[in-house]
Amino acid sequence: MPAEWEPQVAIWLSWPHKRASWPGMFRPVPYTFAQIVAQISRFQEVRINAAAALQPRAKRLCAAAGADLAKVTFYDHPTNDAWCRDHGPIFVKQDRTGEVALTDWRYNAWGDKYPPYDLDNRIPPSIGRKLKLRRFENDMVLEGGSIDVNGRGLLLTSEQCLLNKNRNPELSREQIEQNLRDYLGVKSILWVGDGILGDDTDGHIDDITRFFKADGFITAVEPNGRDPNHRILAENLERLRGFRTPAGKAFALVELPMPKPFAFEGQRVPASYANFLIINGAVLVPTFRQKKRDAEACAIIGSCFPGREVIPIDCYHLIWGLGTLHCISQQQPA
């Protein structure tokens, strides 16, 4: 599995339509998606899973947002929900031949929290058939948001998610690690502990810590000592400090302060700047209408990706679905 900063041919999305995922606040969500499509299409192709009935309006919204429609392709792939990072395929690449294939894991909507998910489970085989790519199927439950790789043999994940009894109760930690090695071509698995408050995915890594280079992490920290995320993220940072590269060196660590906590209808949302998306020539950063913190996050993330344009995306409404830019997308390597 290549690192996200390696060349991509496209970003995959699944068009939003499930109102229950954004209760009472669905209306702005398709417009936000259209803005994201417009920004990505400046740099590369966007491929969108959407039932045929959803496509005319989706195309209109993307056009109105200024998307380059020559670079946007809609596929008649009906979905239950919009979280393509988790129900979409995880692409892999053969180092020797350059062949791109896809891995197809079982998806159970984060421990059977939001059934049904039968259509979502059909997305990887549908994409495989459409693109005529080889597909490697594994019966283990795995979501793309729960892992991050450096493209050089290391994979980062969290115990709270991958060892959760609502995912693969029949598998040991060793068996889970072996599946990751066999199917994603990684050598070592690095484990952090828990994820942030309000995260219904049970601690997805893409809300807390990401590789920004082969030997460097950018990791969320909570400056407010009274916030429960402070301890969780401090413990996470401690683990990262203890990790060593294959060459035996410490990793470079960049701290990324969390946005100020906020809630909708009394429910705290898992807003995190770590849910950024790397594309060819740019990095899209979620923002939350917090002028100072948003600007600081964009500057910190930009410093990790010199030469890439930093594009802030207003995710204030999107996060009510409990995920943002990384959660809705999946990169296809070139």
C-alpha atoms as a PDB file:
ATOM      1  CA  MET A   1       0.000   0.000   0.000  1.00  0.00           C
ATOM      2  CA  PRO A   2       1.622   3.264  -1.118  1.00  0.00           C
ATOM      3  CA  ALA A   3       1.774   6.272   1.193  1.00  0.00           C
ATOM      4  CA  GLU A   4      -0.890   8.907   0.574  1.00  0.00           C
ATOM      5  CA  TRP A   5       1.690  11.474  -0.570  1.00  0.00           C
ATOM      6  CA  GLU A   6       2.792   9.216  -3.466  1.00  0.00           C
ATOM      7  CA  PRO A   7       1.366   9.945  -6.958  1.00  0.00           C
ATOM      8  CA  GLN A   8      -2.369   9.332  -7.323  1.00  0.00           C
ATOM      9  CA  VAL A   9      -4.540   8.774 -10.352  1.00  0.00           C
ATOM     10  CA  ALA A  10      -7.820   9.664  -8.603  1.00  0.00           C
ATOM     11  CA  ILE A  11      -9.707  10.251  -5.384  1.00  0.00           C
ATOM     12  CA  TRP A  12     -12.829   8.164  -4.818  1.00  0.00           C
ATOM     13  CA  LEU A  13     -15.892   9.562  -3.030  1.00  0.00           C
ATOM     14  CA  SER A  14     -19.385   8.185  -2.329  1.00  0.00           C
ATOM     15  CA  TRP A  15     -22.076  10.823  -2.846  1.00  0.00           C
ATOM     16  CA  PRO A  16     -24.011  11.681   0.368  1.00  0.00           C
ATOM     17  CA  HIS A  17     -27.735  10.885   0.525  1.00  0.00           C
ATOM     18  CA  LYS A  18     -28.400   9.338   3.951  1.00  0.00           C
ATOM     19  CA  ARG A  19     -30.064  12.083   5.938  1.00  0.00           C
ATOM     20  CA  ALA A  20     -29.807  10.119   9.184  1.00  0.00           C
ATOM     21  CA  SER A  21     -26.024  10.515   9.060  1.00  0.00           C
ATOM     22  CA  TRP A  22     -26.453  14.298   9.474  1.00  0.00           C
ATOM     23  CA  PRO A  23     -29.690  14.514  11.494  1.00  0.00           C
ATOM     24  CA  GLY A  24     -31.376  17.859  10.922  1.00  0.00           C
ATOM     25  CA  MET A  25     -28.318  19.215   9.129  1.00  0.00           C
ATOM     26  CA  PHE A  26     -28.117  17.290   5.861  1.00  0.00           C
ATOM     27  CA  ARG A  27     -28.995  20.206   3.557  1.00  0.00           C
ATOM     28  CA  PRO A  28     -25.521  21.823   3.328  1.00  0.00           C
ATOM     29  CA  VAL A  29     -23.663  18.496   3.058  1.00  0.00           C
ATOM     30  CA  PRO A  30     -23.983  17.878  -0.723  1.00  0.00           C
ATOM     31  CA  TYR A  31     -22.814  21.469  -1.297  1.00  0.00           C
ATOM     32  CA  THR A  32     -19.720  20.795   0.843  1.00  0.00           C
ATOM     33  CA  PHE A  33     -19.029  17.631  -1.162  1.00  0.00           C
ATOM     34  CA  ALA A  34     -19.331  19.640  -4.391  1.00  0.00           C
ATOM     35  CA  GLN A  35     -16.767  22.165  -3.084  1.00  0.00           C
ATOM     36  CA  ILE A  36     -14.398  19.292  -2.269  1.00  0.00           C
ATOM     37  CA  VAL A  37     -14.886  17.784  -5.751  1.00  0.00           C
ATOM     38  CA  ALA A  38     -14.144  21.202  -7.279  1.00  0.00           C
ATOM     39  CA  GLN A  39     -10.878  21.593  -5.351  1.00  0.00           C
ATOM     40  CA  ILE A  40      -9.628  18.042  -6.043  1.00  0.00           C
ATOM     41  CA  SER A  41     -10.497  18.349  -9.750  1.00  0.00           C
ATOM     42  CA  ARG A  42      -7.984  21.200 -10.059  1.00  0.00           C
ATOM     43  CA  PHE A  43      -5.245  18.604  -9.479  1.00  0.00           C
ATOM     44  CA  GLN A  44      -6.508  15.164 -10.499  1.00  0.00           C
ATOM     45  CA  GLU A  45      -9.456  12.953 -11.309  1.00  0.00           C
ATOM     46  CA  VAL A  46     -12.407  12.466  -8.964  1.00  0.00           C
ATOM     47  CA  ARG A  47     -14.389   9.216  -9.174  1.00  0.00           C
ATOM     48  CA  ILE A  48     -17.745   9.132  -7.438  1.00  0.00           C
ATOM     49  CA  ASN A  49     -19.942   6.219  -6.378  1.00  0.00           C
ATOM     50  CA  ALA A  50     -23.568   7.332  -6.737  1.00  0.00           C
ATOM     51  CA  ALA A  51     -26.830   5.618  -7.626  1.00  0.00           C
ATOM     52  CA  ALA A  52     -28.072   6.784 -11.047  1.00  0.00           C
ATOM     53  CA  ALA A  53     -30.971   8.719  -9.495  1.00  0.00           C
ATOM     54  CA  LEU A  54     -28.568  10.891  -7.458  1.00  0.00           C
ATOM     55  CA  GLN A  55     -26.292  11.789 -10.346  1.00  0.00           C
ATOM     56  CA  PRO A  56     -28.095  14.637 -12.183  1.00  0.00           C
ATOM     57  CA  ARG A  57     -28.284  16.836  -9.055  1.00  0.00           C
ATOM     58  CA  ALA A  58     -24.776  15.862  -7.943  1.00  0.00           C
ATOM     59  CA  LYS A  59     -23.399  16.898 -11.349  1.00  0.00           C
ATOM     60  CA  ARG A  60     -25.261  20.210 -11.197  1.00  0.00           C
ATOM     61  CA  LEU A  61     -23.886  20.962  -7.721  1.00  0.00           C
ATOM     62  CA  CYS A  62     -20.327  20.080  -8.786  1.00  0.00           C
ATOM     63  CA  ALA A  63     -20.621  22.285 -11.877  1.00  0.00           C
ATOM     64  CA  ALA A  64     -21.984  25.180  -9.789  1.00  0.00           C
ATOM     65  CA  ALA A  65     -19.062  24.780  -7.358  1.00  0.00           C
ATOM     66  CA  GLY A  66     -16.631  25.193 -10.270  1.00  0.00           C
ATOM     67  CA  ALA A  67     -15.477  21.579 -10.649  1.00  0.00           C
ATOM     68  CA  ASP A  68     -13.641  20.601 -13.810  1.00  0.00           C
ATOM     69  CA  LEU A  69     -16.242  18.088 -14.983  1.00  0.00           C
ATOM     70  CA  ALA A  70     -13.825  16.646 -17.538  1.00  0.00           C
ATOM     71  CA  LYS A  71     -12.002  15.198 -14.535  1.00  0.00           C
ATOM     72  CA  VAL A  72     -15.096  13.982 -12.656  1.00  0.00           C
ATOM     73  CA  THR A  73     -16.627  10.549 -13.359  1.00  0.00           C
ATOM     74  CA  PHE A  74     -19.774   9.199 -11.748  1.00  0.00           C
ATOM     75  CA  TYR A  75     -20.272   5.453 -11.378  1.00  0.00           C
ATOM     76  CA  ASP A  76     -23.685   3.873 -10.915  1.00  0.00           C
ATOM     77  CA  HIS A  77     -22.653   2.235  -7.643  1.00  0.00           C
ATOM     78  CA  PRO A  78     -25.452   2.637  -5.061  1.00  0.00           C
ATOM     79  CA  THR A  79     -24.272   3.022  -1.447  1.00  0.00           C
ATOM     80  CA  ASN A  80     -25.835   3.012   2.003  1.00  0.00           C
ATOM     81  CA  ASP A  81     -23.728   5.936   3.185  1.00  0.00           C
ATOM     82  CA  ALA A  82     -20.940   8.343   2.212  1.00  0.00           C
ATOM     83  CA  TRP A  83     -17.881   7.100   4.134  1.00  0.00           C
ATOM     84  CA  CYS A  84     -15.744   5.906   1.229  1.00  0.00           C
ATOM     85  CA  ARG A  85     -12.523   5.699   3.295  1.00  0.00           C
ATOM     86  CA  ASP A  86     -14.090   2.842   5.213  1.00  0.00           C
ATOM     87  CA  HIS A  87     -16.298   1.005   2.714  1.00  0.00           C
ATOM     88  CA  GLY A  88     -14.196   1.632  -0.382  1.00  0.00           C
ATOM     89  CA  PRO A  89     -11.314  -0.546  -1.547  1.00  0.00           C
ATOM     90  CA  ILE A  90      -7.816  -0.113  -0.141  1.00  0.00           C
ATOM     91  CA  PHE A  91      -5.530   0.055  -3.168  1.00  0.00           C
ATOM     92  CA  VAL A  92      -2.147  -1.644  -3.338  1.00  0.00           C
ATOM     93  CA  LYS A  93       0.630  -1.483  -5.906  1.00  0.00           C
ATOM     94  CA  GLN A  94       3.133  -4.097  -7.075  1.00  0.00           C
ATOM     95  CA  ASP A  95       6.589  -2.552  -6.605  1.00  0.00           C
ATOM     96  CA  ARG A  96       8.175  -4.536  -9.405  1.00  0.00           C
ATOM     97  CA  THR A  97       5.544  -4.308 -12.165  1.00  0.00           C
ATOM     98  CA  GLY A  98       3.621  -1.180 -11.093  1.00  0.00           C
ATOM     99  CA  GLU A  99       0.322  -3.097 -11.266  1.00  0.00           C
ATOM    100  CA  VAL A 100      -2.388  -1.496  -9.101  1.00  0.00           C
ATOM    101  CA  ALA A 101      -4.854  -3.878  -7.442  1.00  0.00           C
ATOM    102  CA  LEU A 102      -7.388  -3.524  -4.672  1.00  0.00           C
ATOM    103  CA  THR A 103      -7.927  -5.188  -1.350  1.00  0.00           C
ATOM    104  CA  ASP A 104     -11.506  -5.857  -0.288  1.00  0.00           C
ATOM    105  CA  TRP A 105     -12.099  -6.254   3.456  1.00  0.00           C
ATOM    106  CA  ARG A 106     -15.325  -6.898   5.306  1.00  0.00           C
ATOM    107  CA  TYR A 107     -17.130  -3.736   6.366  1.00  0.00           C
ATOM    108  CA  ASN A 108     -19.629  -3.817   9.260  1.00  0.00           C
ATOM    109  CA  ALA A 109     -20.346  -0.089   9.800  1.00  0.00           C
ATOM    110  CA  TRP A 110     -17.969   0.284  12.760  1.00  0.00           C
ATOM    111  CA  GLY A 111     -19.118  -2.690  14.779  1.00  0.00           C
ATOM    112  CA  ASP A 112     -22.664  -2.962  13.388  1.00  0.00           C
ATOM    113  CA  LYS A 113     -23.610   0.521  14.655  1.00  0.00           C
ATOM    114  CA  TYR A 114     -25.444   1.725  11.528  1.00  0.00           C
ATOM    115  CA  PRO A 115     -27.080  -1.040   9.519  1.00  0.00           C
ATOM    116  CA  PRO A 116     -27.775  -1.693   6.712  1.00  0.00           C
ATOM    117  CA  TYR A 117     -24.397  -1.720   4.965  1.00  0.00           C
ATOM    118  CA  ASP A 118     -24.930  -4.350   2.251  1.00  0.00           C
ATOM    119  CA  LEU A 119     -24.573  -1.841  -0.615  1.00  0.00           C
ATOM    120  CA  ASP A 120     -21.411  -0.378   0.918  1.00  0.00           C
ATOM    121  CA  ASN A 121     -19.877  -3.852   0.992  1.00  0.00           C
ATOM    122  CA  ARG A 122     -20.433  -4.143  -2.767  1.00  0.00           C
ATOM    123  CA  ILE A 123     -18.366  -1.045  -3.563  1.00  0.00           C
ATOM    124  CA  PRO A 124     -14.894  -2.698  -3.730  1.00  0.00           C
ATOM    125  CA  PRO A 125     -15.997  -5.529  -6.090  1.00  0.00           C
ATOM    126  CA  SER A 126     -17.937  -3.020  -8.237  1.00  0.00           C
ATOM    127  CA  ILE A 127     -14.877  -0.773  -8.559  1.00  0.00           C
ATOM    128  CA  GLY A 128     -12.653  -3.783  -9.268  1.00  0.00           C
ATOM    129  CA  ARG A 129     -14.924  -4.929 -12.106  1.00  0.00           C
ATOM    130  CA  LYS A 130     -15.302  -1.432 -13.557  1.00  0.00           C
ATOM    131  CA  LEU A 131     -11.553  -0.725 -13.566  1.00  0.00           C
ATOM    132  CA  LYS A 132     -10.614  -4.339 -14.408  1.00  0.00           C
ATOM    133  CA  LEU A 133      -8.264  -4.502 -11.426  1.00  0.00           C
ATOM    134  CA  ARG A 134      -7.312  -7.613  -9.503  1.00  0.00           C
ATOM    135  CA  ARG A 135      -9.118  -7.901  -6.185  1.00  0.00           C
ATOM    136  CA  PHE A 136      -7.752  -9.566  -3.070  1.00  0.00           C
ATOM    137  CA  GLU A 137     -10.543 -10.445  -0.658  1.00  0.00           C
ATOM    138  CA  ASN A 138     -10.110 -10.831   3.096  1.00  0.00           C
ATOM    139  CA  ASP A 139     -12.883 -11.689   5.553  1.00  0.00           C
ATOM    140  CA  MET A 140     -11.353  -9.562   8.323  1.00  0.00           C
ATOM    141  CA  VAL A 141     -13.252  -6.378   9.223  1.00  0.00           C
ATOM    142  CA  LEU A 142     -11.044  -3.383   8.380  1.00  0.00           C
ATOM    143  CA  GLU A 143     -11.769   0.263   7.614  1.00  0.00           C
ATOM    144  CA  GLY A 144      -9.394   2.505   5.683  1.00  0.00           C
ATOM    145  CA  GLY A 145      -9.637   5.208   8.366  1.00  0.00           C
ATOM    146  CA  SER A 146      -8.274   2.856  11.007  1.00  0.00           C
ATOM    147  CA  ILE A 147      -4.818   2.542   9.411  1.00  0.00           C
ATOM    148  CA  ASP A 148      -2.093   4.788   8.031  1.00  0.00           C
ATOM    149  CA  VAL A 149       1.026   3.668   6.158  1.00  0.00           C
ATOM    150  CA  ASN A 150       4.364   5.219   5.242  1.00  0.00           C
ATOM    151  CA  GLY A 151       4.757   3.259   1.996  1.00  0.00           C
ATOM    152  CA  ARG A 152       8.011   1.779   3.313  1.00  0.00           C
ATOM    153  CA  GLY A 153       6.707  -1.134   5.332  1.00  0.00           C
ATOM    154  CA  LEU A 154       5.226   0.576   8.414  1.00  0.00           C
ATOM    155  CA  LEU A 155       1.546   0.679   9.372  1.00  0.00           C
ATOM    156  CA  LEU A 156       0.078   2.711  12.235  1.00  0.00           C
ATOM    157  CA  THR A 157      -3.208   1.816  13.934  1.00  0.00           C
ATOM    158  CA  SER A 158      -5.012   1.953  17.290  1.00  0.00           C
ATOM    159  CA  GLU A 159      -5.782  -0.780  19.802  1.00  0.00           C
ATOM    160  CA  GLN A 160      -9.198   0.704  20.561  1.00  0.00           C
ATOM    161  CA  CYS A 161     -10.315   0.074  16.971  1.00  0.00           C
ATOM    162  CA  LEU A 162      -8.550  -2.995  15.586  1.00  0.00           C
ATOM    163  CA  LEU A 163      -8.658  -4.990  18.810  1.00  0.00           C
ATOM    164  CA  ASN A 164     -12.288  -4.033  19.490  1.00  0.00           C
ATOM    165  CA  LYS A 165     -14.591  -7.020  20.076  1.00  0.00           C
ATOM    166  CA  ASN A 166     -17.128  -5.498  17.667  1.00  0.00           C
ATOM    167  CA  ARG A 167     -14.741  -5.996  14.727  1.00  0.00           C
ATOM    168  CA  ASN A 168     -12.893  -9.331  14.743  1.00  0.00           C
ATOM    169  CA  PRO A 169     -13.563 -11.071  18.076  1.00  0.00           C
ATOM    170  CA  GLU A 170     -12.308 -14.386  16.686  1.00  0.00           C
ATOM    171  CA  LEU A 171      -8.882 -13.008  15.689  1.00  0.00           C
ATOM    172  CA  SER A 172      -5.872 -12.477  17.969  1.00  0.00           C
ATOM    173  CA  ARG A 173      -3.659  -9.413  17.730  1.00  0.00           C
ATOM    174  CA  GLU A 174      -1.052 -11.589  15.976  1.00  0.00           C
ATOM    175  CA  GLN A 175      -3.567 -12.825  13.395  1.00  0.00           C
ATOM    176  CA  ILE A 176      -4.740  -9.261  12.700  1.00  0.00           C
ATOM    177  CA  GLU A 177      -1.125  -8.163  12.222  1.00  0.00           C
ATOM    178  CA  GLN A 178      -0.479 -11.083   9.861  1.00  0.00           C
ATOM    179  CA  ASN A 179      -3.498 -10.167   7.711  1.00  0.00           C
ATOM    180  CA  LEU A 180      -2.207  -6.595   7.434  1.00  0.00           C
ATOM    181  CA  ARG A 181       1.246  -7.863   6.417  1.00  0.00           C
ATOM    182  CA  ASP A 182      -0.095 -10.340   3.890  1.00  0.00           C
ATOM    183  CA  TYR A 183      -2.590  -8.050   2.189  1.00  0.00           C
ATOM    184  CA  LEU A 184      -1.060  -4.564   2.458  1.00  0.00           C
ATOM    185  CA  GLY A 185       2.611  -5.473   2.057  1.00  0.00           C
ATOM    186  CA  VAL A 186       3.684  -3.970   5.378  1.00  0.00           C
ATOM    187  CA  LYS A 187       6.400  -5.364   7.637  1.00  0.00           C
ATOM    188  CA  SER A 188       5.774  -3.740  11.045  1.00  0.00           C
ATOM    189  CA  ILE A 189       2.625  -2.609  12.816  1.00  0.00           C
ATOM    190  CA  LEU A 190       2.844   0.306  15.271  1.00  0.00           C
ATOM    191  CA  TRP A 191       0.043   0.525  17.849  1.00  0.00           C
ATOM    192  CA  VAL A 192      -1.260   3.577  19.683  1.00  0.00           C
ATOM    193  CA  GLY A 193      -3.989   3.316  22.347  1.00  0.00           C
ATOM    194  CA  ASP A 194      -7.305   5.186  22.163  1.00  0.00           C
ATOM    195  CA  GLY A 195      -8.952   7.674  19.839  1.00  0.00           C
ATOM    196  CA  ILE A 196     -10.635  10.983  20.563  1.00  0.00           C
ATOM    197  CA  LEU A 197     -13.957  11.750  22.254  1.00  0.00           C
ATOM    198  CA  GLY A 198     -17.088  11.608  20.121  1.00  0.00           C
ATOM    199  CA  ASP A 199     -15.502   9.298  17.535  1.00  0.00           C
ATOM    200  CA  ASP A 200     -18.081   6.607  16.772  1.00  0.00           C
ATOM    201  CA  THR A 201     -15.501   4.577  14.835  1.00  0.00           C
ATOM    202  CA  ASP A 202     -13.785   3.495  18.090  1.00  0.00           C
ATOM    203  CA  GLY A 203     -10.525   5.353  17.611  1.00  0.00           C
ATOM    204  CA  HIS A 204      -9.730   5.745  13.925  1.00  0.00           C
ATOM    205  CA  ILE A 205      -6.096   6.731  13.433  1.00  0.00           C
ATOM    206  CA  ASP A 206      -6.930   9.382  10.803  1.00  0.00           C
ATOM    207  CA  ASP A 207      -8.382  11.576  13.562  1.00  0.00           C
ATOM    208  CA  ILE A 208      -5.265  11.439  15.734  1.00  0.00           C
ATOM    209  CA  THR A 209      -1.927  10.653  14.057  1.00  0.00           C
ATOM    210  CA  ARG A 210      -0.723  10.503  10.448  1.00  0.00           C
ATOM    211  CA  PHE A 211       2.566   9.851   8.722  1.00  0.00           C
ATOM    212  CA  PHE A 212       3.736  12.951   6.843  1.00  0.00           C
ATOM    213  CA  LYS A 213       6.965  11.325   5.653  1.00  0.00           C
ATOM    214  CA  ALA A 214       8.483   7.849   5.960  1.00  0.00           C
ATOM    215  CA  ASP A 215      10.051   8.675   9.337  1.00  0.00           C
ATOM    216  CA  GLY A 216       7.732  11.410  10.637  1.00  0.00           C
ATOM    217  CA  PHE A 217       4.327  11.721  12.349  1.00  0.00           C
ATOM    218  CA  ILE A 218       2.019  14.689  12.649  1.00  0.00           C
ATOM    219  CA  THR A 219      -0.082  14.112  15.750  1.00  0.00           C
ATOM    220  CA  ALA A 220      -3.040  15.807  17.409  1.00  0.00           C
ATOM    221  CA  VAL A 221      -2.553  17.269  20.897  1.00  0.00           C
ATOM    222  CA  GLU A 222      -5.100  18.892  23.218  1.00  0.00           C
ATOM    223  CA  PRO A 223      -3.637  22.007  24.930  1.00  0.00           C
ATOM    224  CA  ASN A 224      -6.430  22.204  27.536  1.00  0.00           C
ATOM    225  CA  GLY A 225      -5.483  19.959  30.476  1.00  0.00           C
ATOM    226  CA  ARG A 226      -9.118  19.758  31.642  1.00  0.00           C
ATOM    227  CA  ASP A 227     -10.327  18.297  28.349  1.00  0.00           C
ATOM    228  CA  PRO A 228     -10.532  14.453  28.405  1.00  0.00           C
ATOM    229  CA  ASN A 229      -8.737  14.383  25.034  1.00  0.00           C
ATOM    230  CA  HIS A 230      -5.679  15.891  26.742  1.00  0.00           C
ATOM    231  CA  ARG A 231      -4.745  12.656  28.506  1.00  0.00           C
ATOM    232  CA  ILE A 232      -5.674  10.391  25.567  1.00  0.00           C
ATOM    233  CA  LEU A 233      -3.514  12.375  23.128  1.00  0.00           C
ATOM    234  CA  ALA A 234      -0.657  12.820  25.627  1.00  0.00           C
ATOM    235  CA  GLU A 235      -0.484   9.039  26.070  1.00  0.00           C
ATOM    236  CA  ASN A 236      -0.549   8.643  22.315  1.00  0.00           C
ATOM    237  CA  LEU A 237       2.344  11.117  21.994  1.00  0.00           C
ATOM    238  CA  GLU A 238       4.304   9.144  24.609  1.00  0.00           C
ATOM    239  CA  ARG A 239       3.954   5.980  22.525  1.00  0.00           C
ATOM    240  CA  LEU A 240       5.027   7.787  19.365  1.00  0.00           C
ATOM    241  CA  ARG A 241       8.140   9.038  21.176  1.00  0.00           C
ATOM    242  CA  GLY A 242       8.990   5.436  22.028  1.00  0.00           C
ATOM    243  CA  PHE A 243       8.692   4.139  18.449  1.00  0.00           C
ATOM    244  CA  ARG A 244      11.834   3.564  16.385  1.00  0.00           C
ATOM    245  CA  THR A 245      12.297   3.479  12.627  1.00  0.00           C
ATOM    246  CA  PRO A 246      13.695   0.296  11.012  1.00  0.00           C
ATOM    247  CA  ALA A 247      17.075   2.072  11.178  1.00  0.00           C
ATOM    248  CA  GLY A 248      16.666   2.455  14.966  1.00  0.00           C
ATOM    249  CA  LYS A 249      16.098   6.234  14.997  1.00  0.00           C
ATOM    250  CA  ALA A 250      13.320   8.204  16.687  1.00  0.00           C
ATOM    251  CA  PHE A 251      10.573   9.530  14.419  1.00  0.00           C
ATOM    252  CA  ALA A 252      10.223  13.226  13.670  1.00  0.00           C
ATOM    253  CA  LEU A 253       7.148  14.451  15.575  1.00  0.00           C
ATOM    254  CA  VAL A 254       5.028  17.481  14.694  1.00  0.00           C
ATOM    255  CA  GLU A 255       2.310  18.482  17.175  1.00  0.00           C
ATOM    256  CA  LEU A 256      -1.035  19.632  15.795  1.00  0.00           C
ATOM    257  CA  PRO A 257      -3.341  21.342  18.343  1.00  0.00           C
ATOM    258  CA  MET A 258      -6.982  20.242  18.290  1.00  0.00           C
ATOM    259  CA  PRO A 259      -9.787  22.653  17.422  1.00  0.00           C
ATOM    260  CA  LYS A 260     -11.759  23.974  20.388  1.00  0.00           C
ATOM    261  CA  PRO A 261     -14.414  21.394  21.292  1.00  0.00           C
ATOM    262  CA  PHE A 262     -17.939  21.973  20.090  1.00  0.00           C
ATOM    263  CA  ALA A 263     -21.215  20.080  20.002  1.00  0.00           C
ATOM    264  CA  PHE A 264     -24.441  19.899  18.021  1.00  0.00           C
ATOM    265  CA  GLU A 265     -27.649  19.239  19.969  1.00  0.00           C
ATOM    266  CA  GLY A 266     -25.567  18.391  23.046  1.00  0.00           C
ATOM    267  CA  GLN A 267     -23.420  15.813  21.241  1.00  0.00           C
ATOM    268  CA  ARG A 268     -19.696  16.493  21.066  1.00  0.00           C
ATOM    269  CA  VAL A 269     -18.280  15.958  17.575  1.00  0.00           C
ATOM    270  CA  PRO A 270     -14.847  14.463  16.826  1.00  0.00           C
ATOM    271  CA  ALA A 271     -13.489  17.530  15.040  1.00  0.00           C
ATOM    272  CA  SER A 272      -9.786  17.087  14.248  1.00  0.00           C
ATOM    273  CA  TYR A 273      -7.356  18.770  11.896  1.00  0.00           C
ATOM    274  CA  ALA A 274      -5.589  15.401  11.492  1.00  0.00           C
ATOM    275  CA  ASN A 275      -8.383  14.360   9.120  1.00  0.00           C
ATOM    276  CA  PHE A 276      -6.652  16.166   6.232  1.00  0.00           C
ATOM    277  CA  LEU A 277      -6.440  14.681   2.721  1.00  0.00           C
ATOM    278  CA  ILE A 278      -3.218  14.614   0.677  1.00  0.00           C
ATOM    279  CA  ILE A 279      -3.635  14.804  -3.115  1.00  0.00           C
ATOM    280  CA  ASN A 280      -1.268  15.483  -6.013  1.00  0.00           C
ATOM    281  CA  GLY A 281       0.189  18.942  -5.421  1.00  0.00           C
ATOM    282  CA  ALA A 282      -2.053  19.902  -2.511  1.00  0.00           C
ATOM    283  CA  VAL A 283      -3.356  19.035   0.936  1.00  0.00           C
ATOM    284  CA  LEU A 284      -6.974  19.702   1.883  1.00  0.00           C
ATOM    285  CA  VAL A 285      -7.376  20.703   5.540  1.00  0.00           C
ATOM    286  CA  PRO A 286     -10.681  20.569   7.452  1.00  0.00           C
ATOM    287  CA  THR A 287     -11.569  23.839   9.184  1.00  0.00           C
ATOM    288  CA  PHE A 288     -14.239  24.494  11.802  1.00  0.00           C
ATOM    289  CA  ARG A 289     -14.953  28.254  11.784  1.00  0.00           C
ATOM    290  CA  GLN A 290     -12.309  28.908  14.451  1.00  0.00           C
ATOM    291  CA  LYS A 291     -10.249  31.586  12.727  1.00  0.00           C
ATOM    292  CA  LYS A 292      -7.081  31.442  14.831  1.00  0.00           C
ATOM    293  CA  ARG A 293      -6.903  27.663  15.292  1.00  0.00           C
ATOM    294  CA  ASP A 294      -7.869  26.940  11.694  1.00  0.00           C
ATOM    295  CA  ALA A 295      -5.075  29.219  10.435  1.00  0.00           C
ATOM    296  CA  GLU A 296      -2.568  27.670  12.834  1.00  0.00           C
ATOM    297  CA  ALA A 297      -3.507  24.139  11.724  1.00  0.00           C
ATOM    298  CA  CYS A 298      -3.170  25.050   8.042  1.00  0.00           C
ATOM    299  CA  ALA A 299       0.281  26.527   8.711  1.00  0.00           C
ATOM    300  CA  ILE A 300       1.488  23.466  10.659  1.00  0.00           C
ATOM    301  CA  ILE A 301       0.174  20.980   8.082  1.00  0.00           C
ATOM    302  CA  GLY A 302       1.583  23.127   5.266  1.00  0.00           C
ATOM    303  CA  SER A 303       5.034  23.016   6.895  1.00  0.00           C
ATOM    304  CA  CYS A 304       4.883  19.196   6.726  1.00  0.00           C
ATOM    305  CA  PHE A 305       4.135  19.217   2.999  1.00  0.00           C
ATOM    306  CA  PRO A 306       6.380  21.843   1.398  1.00  0.00           C
ATOM    307  CA  GLY A 307       5.581  22.414  -2.254  1.00  0.00           C
ATOM    308  CA  ARG A 308       1.917  21.474  -1.853  1.00  0.00           C
ATOM    309  CA  GLU A 309      -0.860  24.031  -1.849  1.00  0.00           C
ATOM    310  CA  VAL A 310      -2.796  24.126   1.438  1.00  0.00           C
ATOM    311  CA  ILE A 311      -6.538  24.295   0.795  1.00  0.00           C
ATOM    312  CA  PRO A 312      -8.801  24.930   3.804  1.00  0.00           C
ATOM    313  CA  ILE A 313     -12.251  23.331   3.506  1.00  0.00           C
ATOM    314  CA  ASP A 314     -15.073  24.470   5.783  1.00  0.00           C
ATOM    315  CA  CYS A 315     -16.182  21.218   7.468  1.00  0.00           C
ATOM    316  CA  TYR A 316     -18.395  22.786  10.126  1.00  0.00           C
ATOM    317  CA  HIS A 317     -21.513  21.010   8.857  1.00  0.00           C
ATOM    318  CA  LEU A 318     -19.753  17.903   7.558  1.00  0.00           C
ATOM    319  CA  ILE A 319     -18.411  16.993  11.020  1.00  0.00           C
ATOM    320  CA  TRP A 320     -21.974  16.536  12.328  1.00  0.00           C
ATOM    321  CA  GLY A 321     -21.757  13.222  10.429  1.00  0.00           C
ATOM    322  CA  LEU A 322     -18.765  12.511  12.747  1.00  0.00           C
ATOM    323  CA  GLY A 323     -16.107  12.614  10.014  1.00  0.00           C
ATOM    324  CA  THR A 324     -14.568  15.010   7.489  1.00  0.00           C
ATOM    325  CA  LEU A 325     -12.206  15.035   4.507  1.00  0.00           C
ATOM    326  CA  HIS A 326     -10.186  11.868   5.026  1.00  0.00           C
ATOM    327  CA  CYS A 327     -13.240   9.874   6.120  1.00  0.00           C
ATOM    328  CA  ILE A 328     -15.167  10.560   2.903  1.00  0.00           C
ATOM    329  CA  SER A 329     -12.319   9.864   0.472  1.00  0.00           C
ATOM    330  CA  GLN A 330     -10.054   7.070  -0.726  1.00  0.00           C
ATOM    331  CA  GLN A 331      -7.005   7.591  -2.942  1.00  0.00           C
ATOM    332  CA  GLN A 332      -6.214   5.414  -5.951  1.00  0.00           C
ATOM    333  CA  PRO A 333      -2.439   5.293  -6.566  1.00  0.00           C
ATOM    334  CA  ALA A 334      -1.016   6.012 -10.005  1.00  0.00           C
END
